[in-house]
N, C-alpha and C. Protein backbone atom coordinates (compact mmCIF):
# COMPACT_ATOMS: atom_id res chain seq x y z
N UNK A 1 -64.24 -21.37 12.62
CA UNK A 1 -64.79 -22.02 13.80
C UNK A 1 -66.13 -22.65 13.42
N UNK A 2 -66.32 -23.88 13.87
CA UNK A 2 -67.58 -24.56 13.63
C UNK A 2 -68.62 -24.07 14.63
N UNK A 3 -69.87 -24.18 14.23
CA UNK A 3 -70.97 -23.71 15.06
C UNK A 3 -71.78 -24.88 15.59
N UNK A 4 -72.54 -24.62 16.62
CA UNK A 4 -73.44 -25.61 17.19
C UNK A 4 -74.38 -26.10 16.08
N UNK A 5 -74.59 -27.41 16.02
CA UNK A 5 -75.47 -28.10 15.06
C UNK A 5 -74.80 -28.37 13.71
N UNK A 6 -73.55 -27.91 13.50
CA UNK A 6 -72.83 -28.23 12.26
C UNK A 6 -72.55 -29.73 12.21
N UNK A 7 -72.68 -30.31 11.03
CA UNK A 7 -72.29 -31.69 10.81
C UNK A 7 -70.92 -31.64 10.15
N UNK A 8 -69.94 -32.25 10.81
CA UNK A 8 -68.56 -32.19 10.33
C UNK A 8 -67.93 -33.59 10.38
N UNK A 9 -66.67 -33.66 9.94
CA UNK A 9 -65.91 -34.91 10.00
C UNK A 9 -64.77 -34.74 11.02
N UNK A 10 -64.66 -35.73 11.89
CA UNK A 10 -63.56 -35.80 12.86
C UNK A 10 -62.82 -37.10 12.58
N UNK A 11 -61.50 -37.03 12.51
CA UNK A 11 -60.75 -38.25 12.22
C UNK A 11 -60.88 -39.29 13.33
N UNK A 12 -61.29 -38.89 14.53
CA UNK A 12 -61.39 -39.84 15.63
C UNK A 12 -62.75 -40.53 15.71
N UNK A 13 -63.84 -39.81 15.40
CA UNK A 13 -65.16 -40.44 15.50
C UNK A 13 -65.97 -40.39 14.21
N UNK A 14 -65.41 -39.85 13.15
CA UNK A 14 -66.09 -39.83 11.86
C UNK A 14 -67.08 -38.68 11.76
N UNK A 15 -68.22 -38.95 11.10
CA UNK A 15 -69.24 -37.93 10.91
C UNK A 15 -69.87 -37.62 12.27
N UNK A 16 -69.88 -36.35 12.61
CA UNK A 16 -70.41 -35.97 13.92
C UNK A 16 -71.08 -34.61 13.87
N UNK A 17 -71.87 -34.36 14.91
CA UNK A 17 -72.51 -33.06 15.06
C UNK A 17 -71.79 -32.29 16.16
N UNK A 18 -71.60 -31.00 15.90
CA UNK A 18 -71.10 -30.13 16.95
C UNK A 18 -72.29 -29.90 17.88
N UNK A 19 -72.31 -30.62 18.97
CA UNK A 19 -73.43 -30.55 19.89
C UNK A 19 -73.41 -29.25 20.69
N UNK A 20 -72.19 -28.78 20.98
CA UNK A 20 -72.07 -27.55 21.74
C UNK A 20 -70.62 -27.07 21.68
N UNK A 21 -70.42 -25.82 22.03
CA UNK A 21 -69.08 -25.28 22.24
C UNK A 21 -69.05 -24.87 23.70
N UNK A 22 -68.19 -25.57 24.48
CA UNK A 22 -68.19 -25.40 25.93
C UNK A 22 -66.85 -24.84 26.40
N UNK A 23 -66.86 -24.30 27.60
CA UNK A 23 -65.63 -23.81 28.22
C UNK A 23 -65.24 -24.78 29.32
N UNK A 24 -63.99 -25.22 29.27
CA UNK A 24 -63.45 -26.14 30.28
C UNK A 24 -62.16 -25.54 30.83
N UNK A 25 -61.90 -25.78 32.11
CA UNK A 25 -60.70 -25.26 32.77
C UNK A 25 -59.69 -26.38 32.99
N UNK A 26 -58.41 -26.02 32.90
CA UNK A 26 -57.36 -26.99 33.21
C UNK A 26 -56.96 -26.85 34.69
N UNK A 27 -55.91 -27.56 35.09
CA UNK A 27 -55.48 -27.54 36.49
C UNK A 27 -55.04 -26.17 36.96
N UNK A 28 -54.60 -25.34 36.03
CA UNK A 28 -54.13 -23.99 36.38
C UNK A 28 -55.27 -22.98 36.37
N UNK A 29 -56.48 -23.47 36.18
CA UNK A 29 -57.68 -22.61 36.13
C UNK A 29 -57.77 -21.80 34.84
N UNK A 30 -56.93 -22.11 33.85
CA UNK A 30 -57.06 -21.46 32.55
C UNK A 30 -58.27 -22.06 31.84
N UNK A 31 -59.06 -21.24 31.21
CA UNK A 31 -60.29 -21.68 30.55
C UNK A 31 -60.09 -21.71 29.04
N UNK A 32 -60.53 -22.80 28.43
CA UNK A 32 -60.40 -22.99 26.99
C UNK A 32 -61.75 -23.42 26.42
N UNK A 33 -61.97 -23.07 25.15
CA UNK A 33 -63.19 -23.51 24.48
C UNK A 33 -62.95 -24.87 23.83
N UNK A 34 -63.95 -25.74 23.93
CA UNK A 34 -63.90 -27.06 23.33
C UNK A 34 -65.17 -27.32 22.53
N UNK A 35 -65.00 -28.06 21.43
CA UNK A 35 -66.17 -28.57 20.72
C UNK A 35 -66.61 -29.83 21.43
N UNK A 36 -67.90 -29.96 21.69
CA UNK A 36 -68.46 -31.22 22.13
C UNK A 36 -69.03 -31.87 20.88
N UNK A 37 -68.38 -32.92 20.43
CA UNK A 37 -68.79 -33.62 19.20
C UNK A 37 -69.48 -34.92 19.56
N UNK A 38 -70.54 -35.23 18.83
CA UNK A 38 -71.25 -36.50 19.05
C UNK A 38 -71.42 -37.18 17.70
N UNK A 39 -71.05 -38.45 17.63
CA UNK A 39 -71.14 -39.23 16.40
C UNK A 39 -72.60 -39.31 15.93
N UNK A 40 -72.82 -39.16 14.63
CA UNK A 40 -74.18 -39.30 14.10
C UNK A 40 -74.56 -40.77 13.95
N UNK A 41 -73.57 -41.67 13.95
CA UNK A 41 -73.83 -43.10 13.78
C UNK A 41 -73.93 -43.85 15.11
N UNK A 42 -73.29 -43.33 16.14
CA UNK A 42 -73.32 -43.96 17.45
C UNK A 42 -73.42 -42.85 18.50
N UNK A 43 -74.63 -42.54 18.92
CA UNK A 43 -74.89 -41.42 19.82
C UNK A 43 -74.14 -41.54 21.15
N UNK A 44 -73.65 -42.73 21.48
CA UNK A 44 -72.89 -42.90 22.73
C UNK A 44 -71.47 -42.35 22.60
N UNK A 45 -70.97 -42.23 21.37
CA UNK A 45 -69.61 -41.73 21.15
C UNK A 45 -69.62 -40.21 21.13
N UNK A 46 -68.75 -39.65 21.98
CA UNK A 46 -68.59 -38.20 21.99
C UNK A 46 -67.13 -37.87 22.24
N UNK A 47 -66.77 -36.65 21.89
CA UNK A 47 -65.39 -36.21 22.06
C UNK A 47 -65.37 -34.72 22.37
N UNK A 48 -64.44 -34.34 23.19
CA UNK A 48 -64.19 -32.92 23.47
C UNK A 48 -62.88 -32.57 22.77
N UNK A 49 -62.95 -31.66 21.82
CA UNK A 49 -61.78 -31.27 21.04
C UNK A 49 -61.57 -29.76 21.21
N UNK A 50 -60.35 -29.33 21.54
CA UNK A 50 -60.12 -27.89 21.69
C UNK A 50 -60.45 -27.13 20.40
N UNK A 51 -61.07 -25.97 20.56
CA UNK A 51 -61.40 -25.16 19.39
C UNK A 51 -60.12 -24.68 18.72
N UNK A 52 -59.15 -24.27 19.52
CA UNK A 52 -57.88 -23.80 18.98
C UNK A 52 -56.78 -24.82 19.25
N UNK A 53 -55.84 -24.89 18.34
CA UNK A 53 -54.66 -25.75 18.48
C UNK A 53 -54.98 -27.23 18.67
N UNK A 54 -56.04 -27.70 18.03
CA UNK A 54 -56.33 -29.14 18.14
C UNK A 54 -55.44 -29.92 17.17
N UNK A 55 -55.11 -31.12 17.55
CA UNK A 55 -54.28 -31.98 16.69
C UNK A 55 -55.13 -32.96 15.90
N UNK A 56 -56.39 -33.09 16.27
CA UNK A 56 -57.32 -33.98 15.56
C UNK A 56 -57.81 -33.25 14.32
N UNK A 57 -57.84 -33.96 13.20
CA UNK A 57 -58.35 -33.34 11.97
C UNK A 57 -59.86 -33.16 12.07
N UNK A 58 -60.30 -31.92 11.94
CA UNK A 58 -61.71 -31.58 11.87
C UNK A 58 -61.91 -30.83 10.56
N UNK A 59 -62.97 -31.19 9.82
CA UNK A 59 -63.22 -30.50 8.56
C UNK A 59 -64.69 -30.62 8.18
N UNK A 60 -65.07 -29.78 7.21
CA UNK A 60 -66.40 -29.90 6.66
C UNK A 60 -66.52 -31.23 5.92
N UNK A 61 -67.74 -31.70 5.75
CA UNK A 61 -67.95 -32.95 5.01
C UNK A 61 -67.58 -32.76 3.55
N UNK A 62 -67.27 -33.85 2.90
CA UNK A 62 -66.98 -33.82 1.47
C UNK A 62 -68.26 -33.48 0.71
N UNK A 63 -68.10 -33.08 -0.55
CA UNK A 63 -69.25 -32.76 -1.38
C UNK A 63 -69.85 -34.04 -1.96
N UNK A 64 -71.02 -33.91 -2.53
CA UNK A 64 -71.68 -35.05 -3.17
C UNK A 64 -70.80 -35.61 -4.29
N UNK A 65 -70.22 -34.73 -5.09
CA UNK A 65 -69.36 -35.17 -6.19
C UNK A 65 -68.14 -35.93 -5.67
N UNK A 66 -67.55 -35.43 -4.60
CA UNK A 66 -66.40 -36.12 -4.00
C UNK A 66 -66.82 -37.48 -3.44
N UNK A 67 -67.98 -37.55 -2.83
CA UNK A 67 -68.47 -38.82 -2.26
C UNK A 67 -68.65 -39.86 -3.36
N UNK A 68 -69.26 -39.46 -4.47
CA UNK A 68 -69.48 -40.40 -5.58
C UNK A 68 -68.15 -40.86 -6.16
N UNK A 69 -67.23 -39.92 -6.35
CA UNK A 69 -65.91 -40.27 -6.90
C UNK A 69 -65.17 -41.24 -5.98
N UNK A 70 -65.20 -40.98 -4.67
CA UNK A 70 -64.53 -41.87 -3.72
C UNK A 70 -65.18 -43.26 -3.70
N UNK A 71 -66.49 -43.29 -3.81
CA UNK A 71 -67.22 -44.56 -3.79
C UNK A 71 -66.88 -45.41 -5.02
N UNK A 72 -66.58 -44.75 -6.11
CA UNK A 72 -66.28 -45.46 -7.37
C UNK A 72 -64.81 -45.87 -7.51
N UNK A 73 -63.96 -45.44 -6.59
CA UNK A 73 -62.54 -45.79 -6.66
C UNK A 73 -62.34 -47.29 -6.47
N UNK A 74 -61.31 -47.79 -7.10
CA UNK A 74 -61.00 -49.22 -7.05
C UNK A 74 -60.74 -49.70 -5.62
N UNK A 75 -60.11 -48.89 -4.80
CA UNK A 75 -59.74 -49.32 -3.45
C UNK A 75 -60.78 -48.89 -2.39
N UNK A 76 -62.02 -48.70 -2.80
CA UNK A 76 -63.07 -48.24 -1.87
C UNK A 76 -63.17 -49.15 -0.65
N UNK A 77 -63.13 -50.45 -0.84
CA UNK A 77 -63.29 -51.39 0.27
C UNK A 77 -62.16 -51.30 1.29
N UNK A 78 -61.02 -50.76 0.88
CA UNK A 78 -59.87 -50.65 1.78
C UNK A 78 -59.89 -49.35 2.58
N UNK A 79 -60.82 -48.49 2.29
CA UNK A 79 -60.87 -47.19 2.96
C UNK A 79 -61.26 -47.33 4.44
N UNK A 80 -60.82 -46.39 5.22
CA UNK A 80 -61.13 -46.30 6.64
C UNK A 80 -62.65 -46.30 6.84
N UNK A 81 -63.13 -46.96 7.87
CA UNK A 81 -64.57 -47.05 8.14
C UNK A 81 -65.20 -45.67 8.29
N UNK A 82 -64.48 -44.71 8.88
CA UNK A 82 -65.03 -43.36 9.04
C UNK A 82 -65.24 -42.69 7.69
N UNK A 83 -64.33 -42.93 6.75
CA UNK A 83 -64.47 -42.35 5.41
C UNK A 83 -65.66 -42.99 4.70
N UNK A 84 -65.82 -44.30 4.82
CA UNK A 84 -66.98 -44.97 4.21
C UNK A 84 -68.28 -44.44 4.79
N UNK A 85 -68.31 -44.23 6.09
CA UNK A 85 -69.51 -43.68 6.72
C UNK A 85 -69.79 -42.27 6.22
N UNK A 86 -68.73 -41.48 6.04
CA UNK A 86 -68.90 -40.12 5.53
C UNK A 86 -69.48 -40.15 4.12
N UNK A 87 -68.94 -41.01 3.28
CA UNK A 87 -69.45 -41.15 1.91
C UNK A 87 -70.93 -41.51 1.94
N UNK A 88 -71.29 -42.50 2.73
CA UNK A 88 -72.68 -42.95 2.84
C UNK A 88 -73.57 -41.82 3.37
N UNK A 89 -73.10 -41.11 4.39
CA UNK A 89 -73.89 -40.03 4.98
C UNK A 89 -74.17 -38.94 3.95
N UNK A 90 -73.13 -38.52 3.23
CA UNK A 90 -73.28 -37.45 2.24
C UNK A 90 -74.26 -37.87 1.15
N UNK A 91 -74.12 -39.10 0.65
CA UNK A 91 -75.00 -39.58 -0.42
C UNK A 91 -76.44 -39.71 0.09
N UNK A 92 -76.62 -40.28 1.25
CA UNK A 92 -77.97 -40.48 1.80
C UNK A 92 -78.67 -39.16 2.14
N UNK A 93 -77.91 -38.17 2.56
CA UNK A 93 -78.52 -36.92 2.99
C UNK A 93 -78.53 -35.83 1.93
N UNK A 94 -77.96 -36.12 0.78
CA UNK A 94 -77.93 -35.12 -0.30
C UNK A 94 -79.32 -34.70 -0.72
N UNK A 95 -80.21 -35.66 -0.89
CA UNK A 95 -81.57 -35.35 -1.36
C UNK A 95 -82.35 -34.55 -0.32
N UNK A 96 -82.03 -34.71 0.95
CA UNK A 96 -82.73 -33.98 2.01
C UNK A 96 -82.36 -32.49 1.98
N UNK A 97 -81.14 -32.20 1.51
CA UNK A 97 -80.67 -30.82 1.48
C UNK A 97 -81.16 -30.07 0.25
N UNK A 98 -81.43 -30.80 -0.81
CA UNK A 98 -81.82 -30.16 -2.08
C UNK A 98 -83.26 -29.78 -2.10
């Protein structure tokens, strides 16, 4: 389970922060936990993704080594915009973490 303030990758909005983990109810009054995700590149973009049984791919960010390798691939320009943003984010923020 991701925690509040984690920076992760979502296939729908790209690099995002887990802004909160909230409880939402459906029509039957059943309560479920959801991640409130907010894009780090466009603060207006947000998504509510169920913590359990979500169909959207959520994962930790790639490593610095993976980012460099992906950036050097021949088909880099053809990659999904979210993947390019992830590569850029990891490379730009690597020095801040070290």
